[in-house]
Every structure is written in C-alpha cells, then in structure tokens.
C-alpha atoms as a PDB file:
ATOM      1  CA  MET A   1       7.723  12.436   0.237  1.00  0.00           C
ATOM      2  CA  SER A   2       8.940  11.227  -3.146  1.00  0.00           C
ATOM      3  CA  GLY A   3      10.768   8.259  -1.616  1.00  0.00           C
ATOM      4  CA  ALA A   4       7.496   6.620  -0.602  1.00  0.00           C
ATOM      5  CA  ALA A   5       6.096   6.811  -4.139  1.00  0.00           C
ATOM      6  CA  ILE A   6       9.370   5.470  -5.534  1.00  0.00           C
ATOM      7  CA  LEU A   7       9.385   2.486  -3.167  1.00  0.00           C
ATOM      8  CA  CYS A   8       5.738   1.719  -3.920  1.00  0.00           C
ATOM      9  CA  ALA A   9       6.485   1.720  -7.657  1.00  0.00           C
ATOM     10  CA  LYS A  10       9.510  -0.525  -7.165  1.00  0.00           C
ATOM     11  CA  GLY A  11       7.418  -2.978  -5.161  1.00  0.00           C
ATOM     12  CA  ALA A  12       4.866  -3.118  -7.980  1.00  0.00           C
ATOM     13  CA  LEU A  13       7.450  -3.521 -10.723  1.00  0.00           C
ATOM     14  CA  ARG A  14       9.490  -6.153  -8.907  1.00  0.00           C
ATOM     15  CA  SER A  15       6.379  -8.258  -8.285  1.00  0.00           C
ATOM     16  CA  GLY A  16       5.307  -8.360 -11.922  1.00  0.00           C
ATOM     17  CA  ALA A  17       3.272  -5.256 -12.804  1.00  0.00           C
ATOM     18  CA  GLY A  18       3.485  -4.693 -16.549  1.00  0.00           C
ATOM     19  CA  LEU A  19       3.177  -0.920 -16.474  1.00  0.00           C
ATOM     20  CA  VAL A  20       3.341   1.425 -13.501  1.00  0.00           C
ATOM     21  CA  LYS A  21       2.209   5.053 -13.660  1.00  0.00           C
ATOM     22  CA  ILE A  22       3.129   7.492 -10.904  1.00  0.00           C
ATOM     23  CA  ALA A  23       1.084  10.651 -10.357  1.00  0.00           C
ATOM     24  CA  ALA A  24       3.063  13.148  -8.277  1.00  0.00           C
ATOM     25  CA  PRO A  25       3.575  16.893  -7.828  1.00  0.00           C
ATOM     26  CA  LYS A  26       5.245  18.341 -10.898  1.00  0.00           C
ATOM     27  CA  SER A  27       8.169  19.728  -8.904  1.00  0.00           C
ATOM     28  CA  ILE A  28       9.373  16.226  -7.922  1.00  0.00           C
ATOM     29  CA  SER A  29       8.363  14.295 -11.047  1.00  0.00           C
ATOM     30  CA  GLY A  30      11.864  14.596 -12.517  1.00  0.00           C
ATOM     31  CA  LEU A  31      13.407  13.083  -9.395  1.00  0.00           C
ATOM     32  CA  ILE A  32      11.000  10.166  -9.554  1.00  0.00           C
ATOM     33  CA  ASP A  33      11.753   9.631 -13.248  1.00  0.00           C
ATOM     34  CA  ILE A  34      15.424   9.223 -12.421  1.00  0.00           C
ATOM     35  CA  ALA A  35      14.804   6.891  -9.486  1.00  0.00           C
ATOM     36  CA  VAL A  36      12.336   4.594 -11.291  1.00  0.00           C
ATOM     37  CA  THR A  37      13.186   4.692 -14.972  1.00  0.00           C
ATOM     38  CA  GLU A  38      10.786   1.834 -15.786  1.00  0.00           C
ATOM     39  CA  SER A  39       7.677   3.742 -14.704  1.00  0.00           C
ATOM     40  CA  ILE A  40       5.773   6.577 -16.380  1.00  0.00           C
ATOM     41  CA  THR A  41       5.615   9.678 -14.199  1.00  0.00           C
ATOM     42  CA  TYR A  42       2.871  12.278 -14.549  1.00  0.00           C
ATOM     43  CA  GLY A  43       3.653  15.663 -13.032  1.00  0.00           C
ATOM     44  CA  LEU A  44       0.486  17.141 -11.552  1.00  0.00           C
ATOM     45  CA  ALA A  45      -0.379  20.713 -10.643  1.00  0.00           C
ATOM     46  CA  GLU A  46       0.454  21.660  -7.060  1.00  0.00           C
ATOM     47  CA  ASN A  47      -1.098  23.838  -4.404  1.00  0.00           C
ATOM     48  CA  ILE A  48       0.778  26.483  -2.438  1.00  0.00           C
ATOM     49  CA  ARG A  49       2.134  23.801  -0.061  1.00  0.00           C
ATOM     50  CA  GLY A  50       3.688  21.822  -2.910  1.00  0.00           C
ATOM     51  CA  LEU A  51       1.112  19.027  -2.653  1.00  0.00           C
ATOM     52  CA  ILE A  52      -1.076  17.639  -5.441  1.00  0.00           C
ATOM     53  CA  SER A  53      -3.850  20.156  -6.107  1.00  0.00           C
ATOM     54  CA  ASP A  54      -7.489  19.111  -5.775  1.00  0.00           C
ATOM     55  CA  ARG A  55      -8.121  20.467  -9.248  1.00  0.00           C
ATOM     56  CA  THR A  56      -6.121  17.558 -10.685  1.00  0.00           C
ATOM     57  CA  VAL A  57      -8.825  15.035  -9.722  1.00  0.00           C
ATOM     58  CA  PRO A  58     -10.216  14.814 -13.312  1.00  0.00           C
ATOM     59  CA  GLN A  59      -6.693  14.120 -14.583  1.00  0.00           C
ATOM     60  CA  ILE A  60      -6.148  11.481 -11.888  1.00  0.00           C
ATOM     61  CA  LEU A  61      -9.421   9.776 -12.806  1.00  0.00           C
ATOM     62  CA  GLU A  62      -8.488   9.866 -16.481  1.00  0.00           C
ATOM     63  CA  LEU A  63      -5.188   8.140 -15.709  1.00  0.00           C
ATOM     64  CA  ALA A  64      -6.939   5.665 -13.445  1.00  0.00           C
ATOM     65  CA  GLY A  65      -9.474   4.834 -16.142  1.00  0.00           C
ATOM     66  CA  LYS A  66      -6.682   3.244 -18.157  1.00  0.00           C
ATOM     67  CA  SER A  67      -5.416   1.252 -15.171  1.00  0.00           C
ATOM     68  CA  ASP A  68      -6.430  -1.934 -13.379  1.00  0.00           C
ATOM     69  CA  VAL A  69      -5.841  -0.701  -9.830  1.00  0.00           C
ATOM     70  CA  ILE A  70      -4.897   2.436  -7.898  1.00  0.00           C
ATOM     71  CA  ALA A  71      -2.448   2.542  -4.999  1.00  0.00           C
ATOM     72  CA  ILE A  72      -2.867   5.795  -3.076  1.00  0.00           C
ATOM     73  CA  GLY A  73      -1.253   7.189   0.043  1.00  0.00           C
ATOM     74  CA  PRO A  74       2.524   6.647  -0.026  1.00  0.00           C
ATOM     75  CA  GLY A  75       4.067  10.119  -0.030  1.00  0.00           C
ATOM     76  CA  LEU A  76       0.693  11.824  -0.463  1.00  0.00           C
ATOM     77  CA  SER A  77       0.647  13.932   2.721  1.00  0.00           C
ATOM     78  CA  PHE A  78      -2.747  15.078   4.014  1.00  0.00           C
ATOM     79  CA  SER A  79      -5.141  15.541   1.114  1.00  0.00           C
ATOM     80  CA  SER A  80      -8.840  15.492   0.239  1.00  0.00           C
ATOM     81  CA  ILE A  81      -8.195  13.705  -3.051  1.00  0.00           C
ATOM     82  CA  LEU A  82      -9.175  10.256  -1.795  1.00  0.00           C
ATOM     83  CA  GLU A  83     -12.731  11.265  -0.926  1.00  0.00           C
ATOM     84  CA  LYS A  84     -13.108  12.772  -4.399  1.00  0.00           C
ATOM     85  CA  ILE A  85     -12.321   9.575  -6.291  1.00  0.00           C
ATOM     86  CA  THR A  86     -14.690   7.233  -4.466  1.00  0.00           C
ATOM     87  CA  GLY A  87     -16.740   6.839  -7.650  1.00  0.00           C
ATOM     88  CA  TRP A  88     -13.926   4.949  -9.328  1.00  0.00           C
ATOM     89  CA  ASN A  89     -15.126   1.413 -10.044  1.00  0.00           C
ATOM     90  CA  LYS A  90     -11.925  -0.644  -9.896  1.00  0.00           C
ATOM     91  CA  PRO A  91      -9.902  -1.927  -6.923  1.00  0.00           C
ATOM     92  CA  ILE A  92      -7.912   0.507  -4.805  1.00  0.00           C
ATOM     93  CA  VAL A  93      -5.146  -0.025  -2.239  1.00  0.00           C
ATOM     94  CA  ILE A  94      -4.969   2.679   0.443  1.00  0.00           C
ATOM     95  CA  ASP A  95      -1.961   3.184   2.693  1.00  0.00           C
ATOM     96  CA  ALA A  96      -0.162   5.761   4.839  1.00  0.00           C
ATOM     97  CA  ASP A  97      -1.437   9.316   4.305  1.00  0.00           C
ATOM     98  CA  GLY A  98      -4.332   7.983   2.266  1.00  0.00           C
ATOM     99  CA  LEU A  99      -5.591   6.597   5.583  1.00  0.00           C
ATOM    100  CA  ASN A 100      -4.447   9.516   7.714  1.00  0.00           C
ATOM    101  CA  SER A 101      -6.316  11.917   5.434  1.00  0.00           C
ATOM    102  CA  ILE A 102      -9.641  10.216   6.147  1.00  0.00           C
ATOM    103  CA  SER A 103      -9.052   9.445   9.828  1.00  0.00           C
ATOM    104  CA  GLU A 104     -11.700  11.961  10.892  1.00  0.00           C
ATOM    105  CA  ASN A 105     -14.265  10.438   8.525  1.00  0.00           C
ATOM    106  CA  PRO A 106     -13.275   6.824   7.772  1.00  0.00           C
ATOM    107  CA  ASN A 107     -16.804   6.019   6.597  1.00  0.00           C
ATOM    108  CA  ILE A 108     -15.600   7.385   3.259  1.00  0.00           C
ATOM    109  CA  LEU A 109     -14.257   3.856   2.763  1.00  0.00           C
ATOM    110  CA  MET A 110     -17.811   2.570   2.322  1.00  0.00           C
ATOM    111  CA  ARG A 111     -18.373   4.809  -0.713  1.00  0.00           C
ATOM    112  CA  PHE A 112     -16.026   2.930  -3.011  1.00  0.00           C
ATOM    113  CA  LYS A 113     -17.866   1.026  -5.724  1.00  0.00           C
ATOM    114  CA  SER A 114     -15.248  -1.717  -5.939  1.00  0.00           C
ATOM    115  CA  SER A 115     -12.953  -3.567  -3.567  1.00  0.00           C
ATOM    116  CA  ALA A 116     -10.735  -1.493  -1.299  1.00  0.00           C
ATOM    117  CA  VAL A 117      -7.686  -2.808   0.530  1.00  0.00           C
ATOM    118  CA  ILE A 118      -6.383  -0.786   3.460  1.00  0.00           C
ATOM    119  CA  THR A 119      -2.900  -1.414   4.873  1.00  0.00           C
ATOM    120  CA  PRO A 120      -2.626   0.388   8.239  1.00  0.00           C
ATOM    121  CA  HIS A 121      -0.020  -0.058  10.919  1.00  0.00           C
ATOM    122  CA  PRO A 122      -1.439  -0.073  14.488  1.00  0.00           C
ATOM    123  CA  GLY A 123      -1.150   3.713  14.861  1.00  0.00           C
ATOM    124  CA  GLU A 124      -3.088   4.386  11.667  1.00  0.00           C
ATOM    125  CA  LEU A 125      -5.769   1.851  12.563  1.00  0.00           C
ATOM    126  CA  SER A 126      -6.110   3.333  16.046  1.00  0.00           C
ATOM    127  CA  ARG A 127      -6.931   6.706  14.465  1.00  0.00           C
ATOM    128  CA  LEU A 128      -9.430   5.149  12.063  1.00  0.00           C
ATOM    129  CA  LEU A 129     -11.209   3.155  14.788  1.00  0.00           C
ATOM    130  CA  ALA A 130     -10.804   5.907  17.422  1.00  0.00           C
ATOM    131  CA  VAL A 131      -9.311   3.500  19.973  1.00  0.00           C
ATOM    132  CA  SER A 132      -5.908   3.368  21.626  1.00  0.00           C
ATOM    133  CA  ILE A 133      -2.905   1.677  20.068  1.00  0.00           C
ATOM    134  CA  ASP A 134      -2.788  -0.565  23.144  1.00  0.00           C
ATOM    135  CA  ALA A 135      -6.313  -1.741  22.350  1.00  0.00           C
ATOM    136  CA  ILE A 136      -5.249  -2.596  18.801  1.00  0.00           C
ATOM    137  CA  LEU A 137      -2.191  -4.505  20.006  1.00  0.00           C
ATOM    138  CA  ALA A 138      -4.153  -6.364  22.676  1.00  0.00           C
ATOM    139  CA  ASP A 139      -6.053  -8.288  19.975  1.00  0.00           C
ATOM    140  CA  ARG A 140      -4.730  -7.550  16.508  1.00  0.00           C
ATOM    141  CA  VAL A 141      -6.921 -10.172  14.819  1.00  0.00           C
ATOM    142  CA  ALA A 142     -10.089  -8.731  16.359  1.00  0.00           C
ATOM    143  CA  ALA A 143      -9.048  -5.186  15.395  1.00  0.00           C
ATOM    144  CA  ALA A 144      -8.415  -6.146  11.765  1.00  0.00           C
ATOM    145  CA  LYS A 145     -11.687  -8.091  11.552  1.00  0.00           C
ATOM    146  CA  ASN A 146     -13.567  -5.176  13.108  1.00  0.00           C
ATOM    147  CA  ALA A 147     -12.192  -2.703  10.556  1.00  0.00           C
ATOM    148  CA  ALA A 148     -12.860  -5.036   7.638  1.00  0.00           C
ATOM    149  CA  LYS A 149     -16.474  -5.628   8.683  1.00  0.00           C
ATOM    150  CA  LYS A 150     -17.176  -2.003   9.641  1.00  0.00           C
ATOM    151  CA  TRP A 151     -16.160  -0.527   6.287  1.00  0.00           C
ATOM    152  CA  GLY A 152     -16.495  -3.485   3.942  1.00  0.00           C
ATOM    153  CA  VAL A 153     -12.787  -3.572   3.074  1.00  0.00           C
ATOM    154  CA  ILE A 154      -9.854  -5.961   3.121  1.00  0.00           C
ATOM    155  CA  CYS A 155      -7.800  -4.895   6.141  1.00  0.00           C
ATOM    156  CA  VAL A 156      -4.068  -5.597   6.231  1.00  0.00           C
ATOM    157  CA  LEU A 157      -2.924  -4.782   9.778  1.00  0.00           C
ATOM    158  CA  LYS A 158       0.854  -4.587   9.532  1.00  0.00           C
ATOM    159  CA  GLY A 159       3.314  -5.711  12.188  1.00  0.00           C
ATOM    160  CA  ALA A 160       4.880  -8.903  13.482  1.00  0.00           C
ATOM    161  CA  GLY A 161       2.432 -11.515  12.199  1.00  0.00           C
ATOM    162  CA  THR A 162       0.572  -9.190   9.816  1.00  0.00           C
ATOM    163  CA  VAL A 163      -3.172  -9.892   9.821  1.00  0.00           C
ATOM    164  CA  VAL A 164      -5.281  -9.874   6.650  1.00  0.00           C
ATOM    165  CA  ALA A 165      -9.045  -9.797   7.335  1.00  0.00           C
ATOM    166  CA  THR A 166     -12.188  -9.756   5.191  1.00  0.00           C
ATOM    167  CA  PRO A 167     -15.649  -8.256   5.845  1.00  0.00           C
ATOM    168  CA  ASP A 168     -17.128 -11.737   6.242  1.00  0.00           C
ATOM    169  CA  GLY A 169     -14.804 -12.690   9.085  1.00  0.00           C
ATOM    170  CA  LYS A 170     -12.070 -14.632   7.317  1.00  0.00           C
ATOM    171  CA  PHE A 171      -8.525 -13.823   8.364  1.00  0.00           C
ATOM    172  CA  TYR A 172      -4.933 -14.827   7.704  1.00  0.00           C
ATOM    173  CA  VAL A 173      -1.898 -14.336   9.962  1.00  0.00           C
ATOM    174  CA  ASN A 174       1.427 -14.070   8.142  1.00  0.00           C
ATOM    175  CA  THR A 175       4.439 -16.180   9.085  1.00  0.00           C
ATOM    176  CA  THR A 176       7.260 -14.494   7.149  1.00  0.00           C
ATOM    177  CA  GLY A 177       9.329 -11.397   7.919  1.00  0.00           C
ATOM    178  CA  ASN A 178      11.792 -10.281  10.573  1.00  0.00           C
ATOM    179  CA  SER A 179      12.598  -7.408  12.925  1.00  0.00           C
ATOM    180  CA  GLY A 180      14.926  -5.810  10.387  1.00  0.00           C
ATOM    181  CA  MET A 181      11.800  -4.830   8.457  1.00  0.00           C
ATOM    182  CA  ALA A 182      10.708  -2.402  11.177  1.00  0.00           C
ATOM    183  CA  SER A 183      12.123   0.545   9.258  1.00  0.00           C
ATOM    184  CA  GLY A 184      10.841   3.297   7.011  1.00  0.00           C
ATOM    185  CA  GLY A 185       9.503   2.502   3.561  1.00  0.00           C
ATOM    186  CA  MET A 186       8.693  -1.179   4.077  1.00  0.00           C
ATOM    187  CA  GLY A 187       4.947  -0.530   3.966  1.00  0.00           C
ATOM    188  CA  ASP A 188       5.299   1.427   0.727  1.00  0.00           C
ATOM    189  CA  VAL A 189       6.897  -1.584  -0.947  1.00  0.00           C
ATOM    190  CA  LEU A 190       4.092  -3.807   0.370  1.00  0.00           C
ATOM    191  CA  THR A 191       1.426  -1.484  -1.041  1.00  0.00           C
ATOM    192  CA  GLY A 192       3.030  -1.724  -4.468  1.00  0.00           C
ATOM    193  CA  ILE A 193       3.230  -5.512  -4.289  1.00  0.00           C
ATOM    194  CA  ILE A 194      -0.439  -5.922  -3.337  1.00  0.00           C
ATOM    195  CA  ALA A 195      -1.547  -3.528  -6.080  1.00  0.00           C
ATOM    196  CA  SER A 196       0.594  -5.417  -8.585  1.00  0.00           C
ATOM    197  CA  PHE A 197      -1.028  -8.758  -7.817  1.00  0.00           C
ATOM    198  CA  ILE A 198      -4.508  -7.245  -8.094  1.00  0.00           C
ATOM    199  CA  ALA A 199      -3.528  -5.823 -11.491  1.00  0.00           C
ATOM    200  CA  GLN A 200      -2.446  -9.304 -12.549  1.00  0.00           C
ATOM    201  CA  GLY A 201      -5.934 -10.661 -11.871  1.00  0.00           C
ATOM    202  CA  THR A 202      -5.695 -11.924  -8.297  1.00  0.00           C
ATOM    203  CA  SER A 203      -8.651 -11.192  -6.012  1.00  0.00           C
ATOM    204  CA  PRO A 204      -7.970  -8.387  -3.501  1.00  0.00           C
ATOM    205  CA  TYR A 205      -8.016 -10.783  -0.526  1.00  0.00           C
ATOM    206  CA  GLU A 206      -5.668 -13.274  -2.174  1.00  0.00           C
ATOM    207  CA  ALA A 207      -3.478 -10.434  -3.448  1.00  0.00           C
ATOM    208  CA  ALA A 208      -3.185  -9.130   0.104  1.00  0.00           C
ATOM    209  CA  ILE A 209      -2.259 -12.560   1.482  1.00  0.00           C
ATOM    210  CA  LEU A 210       0.201 -13.252  -1.304  1.00  0.00           C
ATOM    211  CA  GLY A 211       1.676  -9.760  -1.097  1.00  0.00           C
ATOM    212  CA  VAL A 212       2.180  -9.920   2.662  1.00  0.00           C
ATOM    213  CA  TYR A 213       3.756 -13.374   2.480  1.00  0.00           C
ATOM    214  CA  LEU A 214       6.145 -12.527  -0.369  1.00  0.00           C
ATOM    215  CA  HIS A 215       7.045  -9.169   1.186  1.00  0.00           C
ATOM    216  CA  GLY A 216       8.065 -10.950   4.379  1.00  0.00           C
ATOM    217  CA  LEU A 217       9.873 -13.708   2.487  1.00  0.00           C
ATOM    218  CA  ALA A 218      11.800 -11.106   0.483  1.00  0.00           C
ATOM    219  CA  GLY A 219      12.786  -9.533   3.796  1.00  0.00           C
ATOM    220  CA  ASP A 220      13.963 -12.915   5.088  1.00  0.00           C
ATOM    221  CA  LEU A 221      16.064 -13.448   1.961  1.00  0.00           C
ATOM    222  CA  ALA A 222      17.503  -9.939   2.051  1.00  0.00           C
ATOM    223  CA  VAL A 223      18.421 -10.098   5.740  1.00  0.00           C
ATOM    224  CA  LYS A 224      20.727 -13.036   5.015  1.00  0.00           C
ATOM    225  CA  GLN A 225      22.806 -10.725   2.841  1.00  0.00           C
ATOM    226  CA  LYS A 226      22.431  -7.393   4.664  1.00  0.00           C
ATOM    227  CA  GLY A 227      21.840  -8.336   8.284  1.00  0.00           C
ATOM    228  CA  ILE A 228      19.144  -7.103  10.660  1.00  0.00           C
ATOM    229  CA  HIS A 229      20.751  -3.724  11.329  1.00  0.00           C
ATOM    230  CA  GLY A 230      21.421  -2.741   7.725  1.00  0.00           C
ATOM    231  CA  LEU A 231      18.185  -3.835   6.080  1.00  0.00           C
ATOM    232  CA  ILE A 232      16.325  -1.122   4.146  1.00  0.00           C
ATOM    233  CA  ALA A 233      13.159  -1.116   2.072  1.00  0.00           C
ATOM    234  CA  THR A 234      15.025  -1.044  -1.234  1.00  0.00           C
ATOM    235  CA  ASP A 235      16.745  -4.308  -0.265  1.00  0.00           C
ATOM    236  CA  VAL A 236      13.355  -5.927   0.224  1.00  0.00           C
ATOM    237  CA  ALA A 237      11.978  -4.639  -3.089  1.00  0.00           C
ATOM    238  CA  GLU A 238      15.034  -5.980  -4.909  1.00  0.00           C
ATOM    239  CA  ALA A 239      14.607  -9.412  -3.260  1.00  0.00           C
ATOM    240  CA  VAL A 240      10.964  -9.850  -4.330  1.00  0.00           C
ATOM    241  CA  PRO A 241      11.775 -11.600  -7.654  1.00  0.00           C
ATOM    242  CA  GLU A 242      13.913 -14.149  -5.809  1.00  0.00           C
ATOM    243  CA  ALA A 243      11.091 -14.709  -3.317  1.00  0.00           C
ATOM    244  CA  ILE A 244       8.684 -15.357  -6.179  1.00  0.00           C
ATOM    245  CA  LEU A 245      11.117 -17.801  -7.802  1.00  0.00           C
ATOM    246  CA  GLN A 246      11.503 -19.639  -4.500  1.00  0.00           C
ATOM    247  CA  CYS A 247       7.718 -20.040  -4.204  1.00  0.00           C
ATOM    248  CA  LEU A 248       7.396 -21.218  -7.800  1.00  0.00           C
ATOM    249  CA  LYS A 249       9.911 -23.990  -7.122  1.00  0.00           C
ATOM    250  CA  LYS A 250       7.795 -25.456  -4.302  1.00  0.00           C
END
C-alpha cells in the first residue's frame, strides 16, 4: 500500500521534518519517488508476496541509526519486522499494520528501549487489548489509559475527540477535527506529523498532543475549501503549514 507510506511522508514533511527517508519494497520505490520528490526512498528486497523481506532488517536498522525517529506501519501489511527491531534505542511511532502485525503478541511493545507511540483506531486497539470495539467506545479515555499503562507507551486512540494517554495516567482529549476526516489515509498523515515533531526535539507525549491538534486543525482549515464530502488526506497534509502558522500567530 504505497499510498499510506506517501501520505505519512507528506505529513512529516509538511510539519517540518528536515529529511524524510522511506523504506519500501523495491518494486514500488519508483512510484514513491515520483509522489514524494522531497524524500529519499530506499528500495528494499521483497519476499514472494511483494512485501519487505525479513532479511532487510540489518539494512533497516542501519538507516534508522542515522535517524531521530522511526514511523512504522503505514502500508506495511502483516510483517514480523517490528518485533525484530525492538532493540533500537530511539523513539518509534507505530500505526496501522505495525499494530495489526503484533496483535497476537502486543507485549512486544514492552521490549522497546526508548519511547514508543502507538496510534490505533478503536478496531486496532480492540485487537491489541482483546476486547470488543463496543467496550473501547464505551469509555475511550479508560481504554487509552489502560493500553498506555499496560505496555508503557504513549497511546493515541483516534476518533472524534482523539485521546492521548501516558503510562502514568495523564491524558488529553483533542478538540479539533471534523467528520470529513473519517476517510482513508488520515491516520497515515497523523503518524508522519507526530514522528516529525519528535524528530524536532519534542517529547513523545507532547509531540502526540501537538500532532493530533494540528492534524485536526488542518482538517478544519481544509474543509472550508473542500467541504465535508470531498475532503481527502492529501488536503489535510497540504493544510498543515497553514495550521502551524495560525498557531504561531496566537
């Protein structure tokens, strides 16, 4: 799913990341290069299914060693790569298939040596916690706090009023965003934004709060131009710089 990686990179670039590197299967690296000309794309060896091969882990870690943060999951598909890079000692943001790939053994999250931020929607968190989606929705704050405490991570539970929770019980409920953002790719942009702010020196918790707020504000700015029915993730990514400028003026 090259589109997810592209949207994640655009979210990072539009929120101020100085250099974005994309590691993707070699067969789609050219497509990504065209879509995000400002990033550096690394084409990795693939397995028979066209997914990133496990044997590329040393190469991934080498690339990561020259980076401030990793964002993993958007477009990944099911993979065992995440559990093989738990020794990395810098922050990591995990979304989408990064979470789905560890849903049968989420305790992998406790192996990371540095801060991890997870950004599940209710369905992904229900699989991680092995509870129903209805249980998640019944008390979203409690669900996010539970996940954060259980695995020692920052949990960003996406949805209307996105919740950001810490292992020590702190939480934040977001006030920006709109129903037009309930479409594909929005979470990929958010992952890129959060990773970007971590790379710029913001703590993972503050980066998550700031990323969620600005992501929603960008959506609110974009919807004024595109309308609820026509809003897409690219519109939100493109509106992030304006959202940042608006906050800086306050």
